[in-house]
PDB file of N, CA and C in Angstrom:
ATOM      1  N   UNK A   1     106.950 -29.077 -10.646  1.00  0.00           N
ATOM      2  CA  UNK A   1     107.017 -27.644 -10.489  1.00  0.00           C
ATOM      3  C   UNK A   1     106.410 -26.994 -11.735  1.00  0.00           C
ATOM      4  N   UNK A   2     105.522 -26.035 -11.515  1.00  0.00           N
ATOM      5  CA  UNK A   2     104.900 -25.342 -12.630  1.00  0.00           C
ATOM      6  C   UNK A   2     105.908 -24.426 -13.312  1.00  0.00           C
ATOM      7  N   UNK A   3     105.799 -24.340 -14.617  1.00  0.00           N
ATOM      8  CA  UNK A   3     106.595 -23.415 -15.404  1.00  0.00           C
ATOM      9  C   UNK A   3     106.346 -21.993 -14.907  1.00  0.00           C
ATOM     10  N   UNK A   4     107.357 -21.150 -14.932  1.00  0.00           N
ATOM     11  CA  UNK A   4     107.215 -19.778 -14.423  1.00  0.00           C
ATOM     12  C   UNK A   4     106.138 -19.005 -15.170  1.00  0.00           C
ATOM     13  N   UNK A   5     105.924 -19.320 -16.446  1.00  0.00           N
ATOM     14  CA  UNK A   5     104.867 -18.626 -17.190  1.00  0.00           C
ATOM     15  C   UNK A   5     103.489 -19.051 -16.702  1.00  0.00           C
ATOM     16  N   UNK A   6     103.386 -20.285 -16.272  1.00  0.00           N
ATOM     17  CA  UNK A   6     102.113 -20.761 -15.723  1.00  0.00           C
ATOM     18  C   UNK A   6     101.830 -20.097 -14.381  1.00  0.00           C
ATOM     19  N   UNK A   7     102.877 -19.910 -13.581  1.00  0.00           N
ATOM     20  CA  UNK A   7     102.714 -19.182 -12.315  1.00  0.00           C
ATOM     21  C   UNK A   7     102.291 -17.741 -12.591  1.00  0.00           C
ATOM     22  N   UNK A   8     102.863 -17.141 -13.627  1.00  0.00           N
ATOM     23  CA  UNK A   8     102.464 -15.787 -14.016  1.00  0.00           C
ATOM     24  C   UNK A   8     100.992 -15.770 -14.394  1.00  0.00           C
ATOM     25  N   UNK A   9     100.563 -16.744 -15.186  1.00  0.00           N
ATOM     26  CA  UNK A   9      99.162 -16.833 -15.592  1.00  0.00           C
ATOM     27  C   UNK A   9      98.248 -16.905 -14.374  1.00  0.00           C
ATOM     28  N   UNK A  10      98.580 -17.753 -13.406  1.00  0.00           N
ATOM     29  CA  UNK A  10      97.742 -17.884 -12.214  1.00  0.00           C
ATOM     30  C   UNK A  10      97.716 -16.593 -11.401  1.00  0.00           C
ATOM     31  N   UNK A  11      98.833 -15.888 -11.357  1.00  0.00           N
ATOM     32  CA  UNK A  11      98.861 -14.610 -10.641  1.00  0.00           C
ATOM     33  C   UNK A  11      97.985 -13.584 -11.346  1.00  0.00           C
ATOM     34  N   UNK A  12      98.041 -13.547 -12.671  1.00  0.00           N
ATOM     35  CA  UNK A  12      97.159 -12.643 -13.417  1.00  0.00           C
ATOM     36  C   UNK A  12      95.703 -13.023 -13.169  1.00  0.00           C
ATOM     37  N   UNK A  13      95.406 -14.315 -13.126  1.00  0.00           N
ATOM     38  CA  UNK A  13      94.032 -14.766 -12.843  1.00  0.00           C
ATOM     39  C   UNK A  13      93.564 -14.261 -11.483  1.00  0.00           C
ATOM     40  N   UNK A  14      94.429 -14.298 -10.500  1.00  0.00           N
ATOM     41  CA  UNK A  14      94.059 -13.838  -9.159  1.00  0.00           C
ATOM     42  C   UNK A  14      93.873 -12.329  -9.110  1.00  0.00           C
ATOM     43  N   UNK A  15      94.750 -11.602  -9.794  1.00  0.00           N
ATOM     44  CA  UNK A  15      94.710 -10.138  -9.748  1.00  0.00           C
ATOM     45  C   UNK A  15      93.797  -9.532 -10.809  1.00  0.00           C
ATOM     46  N   UNK A  16      93.602 -10.255 -11.902  1.00  0.00           N
ATOM     47  CA  UNK A  16      92.868  -9.758 -13.072  1.00  0.00           C
ATOM     48  C   UNK A  16      93.393  -8.400 -13.519  1.00  0.00           C
ATOM     49  N   UNK A  17      94.724  -8.279 -13.439  1.00  0.00           N
ATOM     50  CA  UNK A  17      95.380  -7.039 -13.827  1.00  0.00           C
ATOM     51  C   UNK A  17      96.857  -7.360 -14.075  1.00  0.00           C
ATOM     52  N   UNK A  18      97.340  -7.093 -15.283  1.00  0.00           N
ATOM     53  CA  UNK A  18      98.724  -7.410 -15.622  1.00  0.00           C
ATOM     54  C   UNK A  18      99.714  -6.615 -14.778  1.00  0.00           C
ATOM     55  N   UNK A  19      99.430  -5.350 -14.540  1.00  0.00           N
ATOM     56  CA  UNK A  19     100.346  -4.503 -13.776  1.00  0.00           C
ATOM     57  C   UNK A  19     100.450  -4.966 -12.329  1.00  0.00           C
ATOM     58  N   UNK A  20      99.322  -5.276 -11.708  1.00  0.00           N
ATOM     59  CA  UNK A  20      99.352  -5.755 -10.321  1.00  0.00           C
ATOM     60  C   UNK A  20     100.063  -7.108 -10.229  1.00  0.00           C
ATOM     61  N   UNK A  21      99.810  -7.977 -11.198  1.00  0.00           N
ATOM     62  CA  UNK A  21     100.494  -9.274 -11.213  1.00  0.00           C
ATOM     63  C   UNK A  21     102.002  -9.071 -11.331  1.00  0.00           C
ATOM     64  N   UNK A  22     102.409  -8.142 -12.184  1.00  0.00           N
ATOM     65  CA  UNK A  22     103.837  -7.854 -12.347  1.00  0.00           C
ATOM     66  C   UNK A  22     104.448  -7.401 -11.027  1.00  0.00           C
ATOM     67  N   UNK A  23     103.740  -6.553 -10.305  1.00  0.00           N
ATOM     68  CA  UNK A  23     104.237  -6.082  -9.008  1.00  0.00           C
ATOM     69  C   UNK A  23     104.372  -7.233  -8.021  1.00  0.00           C
ATOM     70  N   UNK A  24     103.380  -8.122  -7.978  1.00  0.00           N
ATOM     71  CA  UNK A  24     103.442  -9.266  -7.060  1.00  0.00           C
ATOM     72  C   UNK A  24     104.585 -10.218  -7.401  1.00  0.00           C
ATOM     73  N   UNK A  25     104.902 -10.314  -8.685  1.00  0.00           N
ATOM     74  CA  UNK A  25     105.931 -11.245  -9.135  1.00  0.00           C
ATOM     75  C   UNK A  25     107.307 -10.595  -9.280  1.00  0.00           C
ATOM     76  N   UNK A  26     107.386  -9.293  -8.979  1.00  0.00           N
ATOM     77  CA  UNK A  26     108.631  -8.541  -9.171  1.00  0.00           C
ATOM     78  C   UNK A  26     109.123  -8.626 -10.612  1.00  0.00           C
ATOM     79  N   UNK A  27     108.182  -8.477 -11.533  1.00  0.00           N
ATOM     80  CA  UNK A  27     108.475  -8.462 -12.961  1.00  0.00           C
ATOM     81  C   UNK A  27     107.986  -7.143 -13.540  1.00  0.00           C
ATOM     82  N   UNK A  28     108.367  -6.891 -14.776  1.00  0.00           N
ATOM     83  CA  UNK A  28     107.799  -5.739 -15.466  1.00  0.00           C
ATOM     84  C   UNK A  28     106.481  -6.154 -16.104  1.00  0.00           C
ATOM     85  N   UNK A  29     105.623  -5.187 -16.360  1.00  0.00           N
ATOM     86  CA  UNK A  29     104.347  -5.487 -17.016  1.00  0.00           C
ATOM     87  C   UNK A  29     104.573  -6.081 -18.411  1.00  0.00           C
ATOM     88  N   UNK A  30     105.549  -5.573 -19.203  1.00  0.00           N
ATOM     89  CA  UNK A  30     105.795  -6.206 -20.500  1.00  0.00           C
ATOM     90  C   UNK A  30     106.230  -7.673 -20.383  1.00  0.00           C
ATOM     91  N   UNK A  31     106.969  -8.015 -19.324  1.00  0.00           N
ATOM     92  CA  UNK A  31     107.367  -9.416 -19.126  1.00  0.00           C
ATOM     93  C   UNK A  31     106.143 -10.282 -18.870  1.00  0.00           C
ATOM     94  N   UNK A  32     105.221  -9.793 -18.060  1.00  0.00           N
ATOM     95  CA  UNK A  32     103.982 -10.533 -17.799  1.00  0.00           C
ATOM     96  C   UNK A  32     103.210 -10.716 -19.104  1.00  0.00           C
ATOM     97  N   UNK A  33     103.114  -9.668 -19.889  1.00  0.00           N
ATOM     98  CA  UNK A  33     102.419  -9.755 -21.182  1.00  0.00           C
ATOM     99  C   UNK A  33     103.065 -10.800 -22.083  1.00  0.00           C
ATOM    100  N   UNK A  34     104.392 -10.849 -22.095  1.00  0.00           N
ATOM    101  CA  UNK A  34     105.094 -11.837 -22.916  1.00  0.00           C
ATOM    102  C   UNK A  34     104.838 -13.261 -22.427  1.00  0.00           C
ATOM    103  N   UNK A  35     104.781 -13.453 -21.124  1.00  0.00           N
ATOM    104  CA  UNK A  35     104.480 -14.784 -20.579  1.00  0.00           C
ATOM    105  C   UNK A  35     103.099 -15.241 -21.043  1.00  0.00           C
ATOM    106  N   UNK A  36     102.134 -14.334 -20.973  1.00  0.00           N
ATOM    107  CA  UNK A  36     100.770 -14.684 -21.380  1.00  0.00           C
ATOM    108  C   UNK A  36     100.718 -14.944 -22.882  1.00  0.00           C
ATOM    109  N   UNK A  37     101.386 -14.129 -23.666  1.00  0.00           N
ATOM    110  CA  UNK A  37     101.422 -14.335 -25.121  1.00  0.00           C
ATOM    111  C   UNK A  37     102.042 -15.685 -25.458  1.00  0.00           C
ATOM    112  N   UNK A  38     103.091 -16.060 -24.720  1.00  0.00           N
ATOM    113  CA  UNK A  38     103.730 -17.362 -24.942  1.00  0.00           C
ATOM    114  C   UNK A  38     102.736 -18.499 -24.689  1.00  0.00           C
ATOM    115  N   UNK A  39     102.002 -18.409 -23.591  1.00  0.00           N
ATOM    116  CA  UNK A  39     101.017 -19.449 -23.283  1.00  0.00           C
ATOM    117  C   UNK A  39      99.899 -19.472 -24.321  1.00  0.00           C
ATOM    118  N   UNK A  40      99.462 -18.302 -24.766  1.00  0.00           N
ATOM    119  CA  UNK A  40      98.413 -18.248 -25.784  1.00  0.00           C
ATOM    120  C   UNK A  40      98.892 -18.877 -27.087  1.00  0.00           C
ATOM    121  N   UNK A  41     100.147 -18.665 -27.424  1.00  0.00           N
ATOM    122  CA  UNK A  41     100.711 -19.290 -28.624  1.00  0.00           C
ATOM    123  C   UNK A  41     100.837 -20.799 -28.427  1.00  0.00           C
ATOM    124  N   UNK A  42     101.297 -21.203 -27.257  1.00  0.00           N
ATOM    125  CA  UNK A  42     101.466 -22.628 -26.960  1.00  0.00           C
ATOM    126  C   UNK A  42     100.146 -23.381 -27.065  1.00  0.00           C
ATOM    127  N   UNK A  43      99.084 -22.805 -26.502  1.00  0.00           N
ATOM    128  CA  UNK A  43      97.784 -23.474 -26.483  1.00  0.00           C
ATOM    129  C   UNK A  43      96.907 -23.102 -27.667  1.00  0.00           C
ATOM    130  N   UNK A  44      97.359 -22.175 -28.492  1.00  0.00           N
ATOM    131  CA  UNK A  44      96.649 -21.834 -29.717  1.00  0.00           C
ATOM    132  C   UNK A  44      95.324 -21.129 -29.517  1.00  0.00           C
ATOM    133  N   UNK A  45      95.217 -20.377 -28.435  1.00  0.00           N
ATOM    134  CA  UNK A  45      93.964 -19.677 -28.158  1.00  0.00           C
ATOM    135  C   UNK A  45      94.214 -18.503 -27.223  1.00  0.00           C
ATOM    136  N   UNK A  46      93.310 -17.553 -27.249  1.00  0.00           N
ATOM    137  CA  UNK A  46      93.392 -16.456 -26.293  1.00  0.00           C
ATOM    138  C   UNK A  46      92.944 -16.951 -24.925  1.00  0.00           C
ATOM    139  N   UNK A  47      93.597 -16.469 -23.899  1.00  0.00           N
ATOM    140  CA  UNK A  47      93.277 -16.879 -22.534  1.00  0.00           C
ATOM    141  C   UNK A  47      92.509 -15.807 -21.775  1.00  0.00           C
ATOM    142  N   UNK A  48      92.635 -14.566 -22.230  1.00  0.00           N
ATOM    143  CA  UNK A  48      91.946 -13.446 -21.588  1.00  0.00           C
ATOM    144  C   UNK A  48      91.194 -12.624 -22.616  1.00  0.00           C
ATOM    145  N   UNK A  49      90.090 -12.057 -22.184  1.00  0.00           N
ATOM    146  CA  UNK A  49      89.368 -11.059 -22.962  1.00  0.00           C
ATOM    147  C   UNK A  49      89.766  -9.721 -22.372  1.00  0.00           C
ATOM    148  N   UNK A  50      90.327  -8.882 -23.208  1.00  0.00           N
ATOM    149  CA  UNK A  50      90.799  -7.574 -22.755  1.00  0.00           C
ATOM    150  C   UNK A  50      89.773  -6.532 -23.180  1.00  0.00           C
ATOM    151  N   UNK A  51      88.935  -6.123 -22.255  1.00  0.00           N
ATOM    152  CA  UNK A  51      87.858  -5.165 -22.498  1.00  0.00           C
ATOM    153  C   UNK A  51      88.196  -3.845 -21.835  1.00  0.00           C
ATOM    154  N   UNK A  52      88.605  -2.859 -22.610  1.00  0.00           N
ATOM    155  CA  UNK A  52      88.967  -1.540 -22.076  1.00  0.00           C
ATOM    156  C   UNK A  52      89.849  -1.705 -20.849  1.00  0.00           C
ATOM    157  N   UNK A  53      89.322  -1.474 -19.665  1.00  0.00           N
ATOM    158  CA  UNK A  53      90.138  -1.615 -18.447  1.00  0.00           C
ATOM    159  C   UNK A  53      89.818  -2.898 -17.691  1.00  0.00           C
ATOM    160  N   UNK A  54      88.957  -3.731 -18.262  1.00  0.00           N
ATOM    161  CA  UNK A  54      88.541  -4.950 -17.578  1.00  0.00           C
ATOM    162  C   UNK A  54      89.182  -6.168 -18.246  1.00  0.00           C
ATOM    163  N   UNK A  55      89.601  -7.109 -17.437  1.00  0.00           N
ATOM    164  CA  UNK A  55      90.224  -8.333 -17.908  1.00  0.00           C
ATOM    165  C   UNK A  55      89.365  -9.500 -17.450  1.00  0.00           C
ATOM    166  N   UNK A  56      89.032 -10.407 -18.394  1.00  0.00           N
ATOM    167  CA  UNK A  56      88.234 -11.586 -18.060  1.00  0.00           C
ATOM    168  C   UNK A  56      88.860 -12.812 -18.708  1.00  0.00           C
ATOM    169  N   UNK A  57      88.660 -13.960 -18.098  1.00  0.00           N
ATOM    170  CA  UNK A  57      89.141 -15.209 -18.681  1.00  0.00           C
ATOM    171  C   UNK A  57      88.210 -15.666 -19.796  1.00  0.00           C
ATOM    172  N   UNK A  58      88.800 -16.216 -20.843  1.00  0.00           N
ATOM    173  CA  UNK A  58      88.018 -16.878 -21.882  1.00  0.00           C
ATOM    174  C   UNK A  58      87.654 -18.270 -21.355  1.00  0.00           C
ATOM    175  N   UNK A  59      86.773 -18.997 -22.037  1.00  0.00           N
ATOM    176  CA  UNK A  59      86.511 -20.378 -21.614  1.00  0.00           C
ATOM    177  C   UNK A  59      87.797 -21.222 -21.578  1.00  0.00           C
ATOM    178  N   UNK A  60      88.676 -21.029 -22.548  1.00  0.00           N
ATOM    179  CA  UNK A  60      89.953 -21.758 -22.542  1.00  0.00           C
ATOM    180  C   UNK A  60      90.805 -21.342 -21.350  1.00  0.00           C
ATOM    181  N   UNK A  61      90.769 -20.065 -21.018  1.00  0.00           N
ATOM    182  CA  UNK A  61      91.497 -19.577 -19.849  1.00  0.00           C
ATOM    183  C   UNK A  61      90.984 -20.196 -18.563  1.00  0.00           C
ATOM    184  N   UNK A  62      89.670 -20.349 -18.473  1.00  0.00           N
ATOM    185  CA  UNK A  62      89.068 -21.002 -17.292  1.00  0.00           C
ATOM    186  C   UNK A  62      89.539 -22.446 -17.179  1.00  0.00           C
ATOM    187  N   UNK A  63      89.590 -23.142 -18.312  1.00  0.00           N
ATOM    188  CA  UNK A  63      90.046 -24.541 -18.314  1.00  0.00           C
ATOM    189  C   UNK A  63      91.502 -24.620 -17.874  1.00  0.00           C
ATOM    190  N   UNK A  64      92.336 -23.741 -18.427  1.00  0.00           N
ATOM    191  CA  UNK A  64      93.756 -23.748 -18.056  1.00  0.00           C
ATOM    192  C   UNK A  64      93.932 -23.405 -16.586  1.00  0.00           C
ATOM    193  N   UNK A  65      93.209 -22.417 -16.114  1.00  0.00           N
ATOM    194  CA  UNK A  65      93.309 -22.030 -14.699  1.00  0.00           C
ATOM    195  C   UNK A  65      92.972 -23.209 -13.790  1.00  0.00           C
ATOM    196  N   UNK A  66      91.888 -23.886 -14.084  1.00  0.00           N
ATOM    197  CA  UNK A  66      91.471 -25.030 -13.276  1.00  0.00           C
ATOM    198  C   UNK A  66      92.530 -26.131 -13.298  1.00  0.00           C
ATOM    199  N   UNK A  67      93.046 -26.426 -14.484  1.00  0.00           N
ATOM    200  CA  UNK A  67      94.055 -27.479 -14.613  1.00  0.00           C
ATOM    201  C   UNK A  67      95.330 -27.120 -13.855  1.00  0.00           C
ATOM    202  N   UNK A  68      95.754 -25.871 -13.955  1.00  0.00           N
ATOM    203  CA  UNK A  68      96.985 -25.456 -13.271  1.00  0.00           C
ATOM    204  C   UNK A  68      96.818 -25.433 -11.763  1.00  0.00           C
ATOM    205  N   UNK A  69      95.651 -25.029 -11.290  1.00  0.00           N
ATOM    206  CA  UNK A  69      95.405 -25.059  -9.844  1.00  0.00           C
ATOM    207  C   UNK A  69      95.430 -26.492  -9.331  1.00  0.00           C
ATOM    208  N   UNK A  70      94.860 -27.414 -10.101  1.00  0.00           N
ATOM    209  CA  UNK A  70      94.899 -28.830  -9.730  1.00  0.00           C
ATOM    210  C   UNK A  70      96.337 -29.333  -9.705  1.00  0.00           C
ATOM    211  N   UNK A  71      97.107 -28.968 -10.732  1.00  0.00           N
ATOM    212  CA  UNK A  71      98.511 -29.387 -10.783  1.00  0.00           C
ATOM    213  C   UNK A  71      99.296 -28.845  -9.589  1.00  0.00           C
ATOM    214  N   UNK A  72      99.063 -27.587  -9.245  1.00  0.00           N
ATOM    215  CA  UNK A  72      99.769 -26.982  -8.109  1.00  0.00           C
ATOM    216  C   UNK A  72      99.395 -27.695  -6.813  1.00  0.00           C
ATOM    217  N   UNK A  73      98.118 -27.971  -6.616  1.00  0.00           N
ATOM    218  CA  UNK A  73      97.674 -28.675  -5.409  1.00  0.00           C
ATOM    219  C   UNK A  73      98.245 -30.085  -5.353  1.00  0.00           C
ATOM    220  N   UNK A  74      98.250 -30.783  -6.493  1.00  0.00           N
ATOM    221  CA  UNK A  74      98.813 -32.134  -6.538  1.00  0.00           C
ATOM    222  C   UNK A  74     100.304 -32.112  -6.220  1.00  0.00           C
ATOM    223  N   UNK A  75     101.001 -31.103  -6.725  1.00  0.00           N
ATOM    224  CA  UNK A  75     102.431 -30.981  -6.456  1.00  0.00           C
ATOM    225  C   UNK A  75     102.684 -30.759  -4.965  1.00  0.00           C
ATOM    226  N   UNK A  76     101.891 -29.909  -4.339  1.00  0.00           N
ATOM    227  CA  UNK A  76     102.046 -29.659  -2.904  1.00  0.00           C
ATOM    228  C   UNK A  76     101.756 -30.916  -2.095  1.00  0.00           C
ATOM    229  N   UNK A  77     100.742 -31.657  -2.486  1.00  0.00           N
ATOM    230  CA  UNK A  77     100.419 -32.918  -1.816  1.00  0.00           C
ATOM    231  C   UNK A  77     101.572 -33.900  -1.953  1.00  0.00           C
ATOM    232  N   UNK A  78     102.119 -34.007  -3.151  1.00  0.00           N
ATOM    233  CA  UNK A  78     103.239 -34.914  -3.394  1.00  0.00           C
ATOM    234  C   UNK A  78     104.450 -34.539  -2.546  1.00  0.00           C
ATOM    235  N   UNK A  79     104.769 -33.262  -2.480  1.00  0.00           N
ATOM    236  CA  UNK A  79     105.902 -32.813  -1.659  1.00  0.00           C
ATOM    237  C   UNK A  79     105.696 -33.197  -0.201  1.00  0.00           C
ATOM    238  N   UNK A  80     104.507 -32.953   0.313  1.00  0.00           N
ATOM    239  CA  UNK A  80     104.218 -33.278   1.713  1.00  0.00           C
ATOM    240  C   UNK A  80     104.307 -34.771   1.970  1.00  0.00           C
ATOM    241  N   UNK A  81     103.792 -35.573   1.052  1.00  0.00           N
ATOM    242  CA  UNK A  81     103.847 -37.028   1.223  1.00  0.00           C
ATOM    243  C   UNK A  81     105.282 -37.537   1.182  1.00  0.00           C
ATOM    244  N   UNK A  82     106.086 -36.991   0.294  1.00  0.00           N
ATOM    245  CA  UNK A  82     107.487 -37.416   0.191  1.00  0.00           C
ATOM    246  C   UNK A  82     108.274 -37.042   1.446  1.00  0.00           C
ATOM    247  N   UNK A  83     107.960 -35.912   2.035  1.00  0.00           N
ATOM    248  CA  UNK A  83     108.666 -35.480   3.248  1.00  0.00           C
ATOM    249  C   UNK A  83     108.323 -36.361   4.443  1.00  0.00           C
ATOM    250  N   UNK A  84     107.128 -36.934   4.425  1.00  0.00           N
ATOM    251  CA  UNK A  84     106.695 -37.778   5.546  1.00  0.00           C
ATOM    252  C   UNK A  84     107.309 -39.164   5.515  1.00  0.00           C
ATOM    253  N   UNK A  85     107.842 -39.562   4.401  1.00  0.00           N
ATOM    254  CA  UNK A  85     108.375 -40.927   4.265  1.00  0.00           C
ATOM    255  C   UNK A  85     109.679 -41.062   5.016  1.00  0.00           C
TER     256      UNK A  85
END
């Protein structure tokens, strides 16, 4: 199971907007910001480029996004395989 902060990161990646991600996750925008700050501290790099009103992933953010999507897909595959046994 992905950490809740990682799920927040993926939601921000999909929405490219902290406020919209917060609404989808039923969180406050400051909570979403704190989740992202925690991940940036954990990985020692910025994950987003914050340009005025535009949000973009950094190269490190792209790597993390890809890895987390793979982890989520692998987890879903594992759950399905275990249920079939």
